[in-house]
């Protein structure tokens, strides 16, 4: 895909994140669309603004390919997951 192309699905949304412990199934992507202000402050896993501290505020769990009317492209490096798509060097 061209570098300027952007995926429009929950996996690429500013308001979604995975649980840091992982999930063995699809539909494990947490949507924080009803807690945007709280989610904006997430800065990692732990601490008062960590994903563990705000996990209870999720709206629902969704599949990566779902899309709602609250979609916004994930453009900043915030939250537990960070930027999507990742544009840094490949990790080996």
C-alpha atoms as a PDB file:
ATOM      1  CA  UNK A   1       0.000   0.000   0.000  1.00  0.00           C
ATOM      2  CA  UNK A   2       1.184   3.549  -0.584  1.00  0.00           C
ATOM      3  CA  UNK A   3       2.618   5.273   2.505  1.00  0.00           C
ATOM      4  CA  UNK A   4      -0.216   7.801   2.507  1.00  0.00           C
ATOM      5  CA  UNK A   5      -2.920   5.081   2.525  1.00  0.00           C
ATOM      6  CA  UNK A   6      -4.816   4.692   5.809  1.00  0.00           C
ATOM      7  CA  UNK A   7      -6.853   1.706   6.983  1.00  0.00           C
ATOM      8  CA  UNK A   8     -10.350   2.604   8.182  1.00  0.00           C
ATOM      9  CA  UNK A   9     -11.190  -0.007  10.822  1.00  0.00           C
ATOM     10  CA  UNK A  10     -11.090  -0.262  14.609  1.00  0.00           C
ATOM     11  CA  UNK A  11      -7.533  -1.591  14.630  1.00  0.00           C
ATOM     12  CA  UNK A  12      -6.424   1.790  13.228  1.00  0.00           C
ATOM     13  CA  UNK A  13      -8.665   3.918  15.467  1.00  0.00           C
ATOM     14  CA  UNK A  14      -7.384   6.439  17.996  1.00  0.00           C
ATOM     15  CA  UNK A  15      -9.794   5.062  20.612  1.00  0.00           C
ATOM     16  CA  UNK A  16      -8.848   1.371  20.542  1.00  0.00           C
ATOM     17  CA  UNK A  17      -6.209  -0.621  22.361  1.00  0.00           C
ATOM     18  CA  UNK A  18      -5.218  -4.170  23.230  1.00  0.00           C
ATOM     19  CA  UNK A  19      -4.929  -5.457  26.762  1.00  0.00           C
ATOM     20  CA  UNK A  20      -1.232  -5.559  27.679  1.00  0.00           C
ATOM     21  CA  UNK A  21      -1.559  -9.201  28.762  1.00  0.00           C
ATOM     22  CA  UNK A  22      -2.726 -10.139  25.256  1.00  0.00           C
ATOM     23  CA  UNK A  23      -5.770 -11.976  23.981  1.00  0.00           C
ATOM     24  CA  UNK A  24      -5.897 -15.343  22.207  1.00  0.00           C
ATOM     25  CA  UNK A  25      -8.971 -14.467  20.127  1.00  0.00           C
ATOM     26  CA  UNK A  26     -10.312 -11.825  17.796  1.00  0.00           C
ATOM     27  CA  UNK A  27     -12.743  -9.346  19.360  1.00  0.00           C
ATOM     28  CA  UNK A  28     -10.231  -8.563  22.070  1.00  0.00           C
ATOM     29  CA  UNK A  29      -9.710  -4.968  20.977  1.00  0.00           C
ATOM     30  CA  UNK A  30     -11.029  -2.535  23.587  1.00  0.00           C
ATOM     31  CA  UNK A  31     -12.923   0.516  22.369  1.00  0.00           C
ATOM     32  CA  UNK A  32     -12.669   3.651  24.515  1.00  0.00           C
ATOM     33  CA  UNK A  33     -14.952   5.899  22.420  1.00  0.00           C
ATOM     34  CA  UNK A  34     -17.090   6.779  25.463  1.00  0.00           C
ATOM     35  CA  UNK A  35     -14.015   7.545  27.590  1.00  0.00           C
ATOM     36  CA  UNK A  36     -11.930   9.608  25.157  1.00  0.00           C
ATOM     37  CA  UNK A  37     -10.686  12.133  27.730  1.00  0.00           C
ATOM     38  CA  UNK A  38      -9.509   9.383  30.060  1.00  0.00           C
ATOM     39  CA  UNK A  39      -7.952   7.369  27.243  1.00  0.00           C
ATOM     40  CA  UNK A  40      -6.054  10.396  25.842  1.00  0.00           C
ATOM     41  CA  UNK A  41      -3.957  10.414  29.019  1.00  0.00           C
ATOM     42  CA  UNK A  42      -2.810   6.773  28.733  1.00  0.00           C
ATOM     43  CA  UNK A  43       0.978   6.781  28.698  1.00  0.00           C
ATOM     44  CA  UNK A  44       1.946   3.124  28.963  1.00  0.00           C
ATOM     45  CA  UNK A  45       1.025   0.045  30.972  1.00  0.00           C
ATOM     46  CA  UNK A  46       1.337   1.066  34.624  1.00  0.00           C
ATOM     47  CA  UNK A  47       0.760   4.057  36.850  1.00  0.00           C
ATOM     48  CA  UNK A  48      -2.223   6.353  37.284  1.00  0.00           C
ATOM     49  CA  UNK A  49      -2.454   6.932  33.521  1.00  0.00           C
ATOM     50  CA  UNK A  50      -1.533   3.428  32.419  1.00  0.00           C
ATOM     51  CA  UNK A  51      -3.763   1.155  30.345  1.00  0.00           C
ATOM     52  CA  UNK A  52      -4.327  -1.088  33.407  1.00  0.00           C
ATOM     53  CA  UNK A  53      -5.741   1.908  35.303  1.00  0.00           C
ATOM     54  CA  UNK A  54      -8.268   2.824  32.588  1.00  0.00           C
ATOM     55  CA  UNK A  55      -9.190  -0.643  31.313  1.00  0.00           C
ATOM     56  CA  UNK A  56     -12.479  -0.564  33.274  1.00  0.00           C
ATOM     57  CA  UNK A  57     -13.627   2.481  31.249  1.00  0.00           C
ATOM     58  CA  UNK A  58     -13.796   0.671  27.907  1.00  0.00           C
ATOM     59  CA  UNK A  59     -17.042   0.967  25.970  1.00  0.00           C
ATOM     60  CA  UNK A  60     -16.896  -2.589  24.620  1.00  0.00           C
ATOM     61  CA  UNK A  61     -14.645  -5.213  23.057  1.00  0.00           C
ATOM     62  CA  UNK A  62     -14.686  -5.243  19.252  1.00  0.00           C
ATOM     63  CA  UNK A  63     -13.111  -7.067  16.343  1.00  0.00           C
ATOM     64  CA  UNK A  64     -10.240  -5.355  14.588  1.00  0.00           C
ATOM     65  CA  UNK A  65     -12.232  -5.036  11.358  1.00  0.00           C
ATOM     66  CA  UNK A  66     -15.276  -3.345  12.944  1.00  0.00           C
ATOM     67  CA  UNK A  67     -15.951   0.354  12.296  1.00  0.00           C
ATOM     68  CA  UNK A  68     -18.227   2.847  14.053  1.00  0.00           C
ATOM     69  CA  UNK A  69     -19.169   6.475  13.504  1.00  0.00           C
ATOM     70  CA  UNK A  70     -16.686   7.612  16.213  1.00  0.00           C
ATOM     71  CA  UNK A  71     -13.673   6.451  14.173  1.00  0.00           C
ATOM     72  CA  UNK A  72     -10.629   8.721  14.152  1.00  0.00           C
ATOM     73  CA  UNK A  73      -7.288   7.788  12.623  1.00  0.00           C
ATOM     74  CA  UNK A  74      -4.644   6.848  15.162  1.00  0.00           C
ATOM     75  CA  UNK A  75      -2.063   9.513  14.360  1.00  0.00           C
ATOM     76  CA  UNK A  76      -0.214  10.193  17.591  1.00  0.00           C
ATOM     77  CA  UNK A  77       2.009   7.935  19.616  1.00  0.00           C
ATOM     78  CA  UNK A  78      -0.279   7.667  22.650  1.00  0.00           C
ATOM     79  CA  UNK A  79      -1.922   4.838  24.494  1.00  0.00           C
ATOM     80  CA  UNK A  80      -0.431   1.463  25.185  1.00  0.00           C
ATOM     81  CA  UNK A  81      -0.173   0.448  21.501  1.00  0.00           C
ATOM     82  CA  UNK A  82       1.173   3.708  20.167  1.00  0.00           C
ATOM     83  CA  UNK A  83       1.199   4.754  16.527  1.00  0.00           C
ATOM     84  CA  UNK A  84      -0.688   2.780  13.840  1.00  0.00           C
ATOM     85  CA  UNK A  85       0.637   1.838  11.434  1.00  0.00           C
ATOM     86  CA  UNK A  86       4.033   1.643  13.075  1.00  0.00           C
ATOM     87  CA  UNK A  87       6.514   3.592  10.927  1.00  0.00           C
ATOM     88  CA  UNK A  88       9.732   2.947  12.819  1.00  0.00           C
ATOM     89  CA  UNK A  89      12.558   0.548  12.040  1.00  0.00           C
ATOM     90  CA  UNK A  90      11.773  -3.149  11.784  1.00  0.00           C
ATOM     91  CA  UNK A  91      12.507  -5.032  14.974  1.00  0.00           C
ATOM     92  CA  UNK A  92      14.540  -8.189  14.685  1.00  0.00           C
END
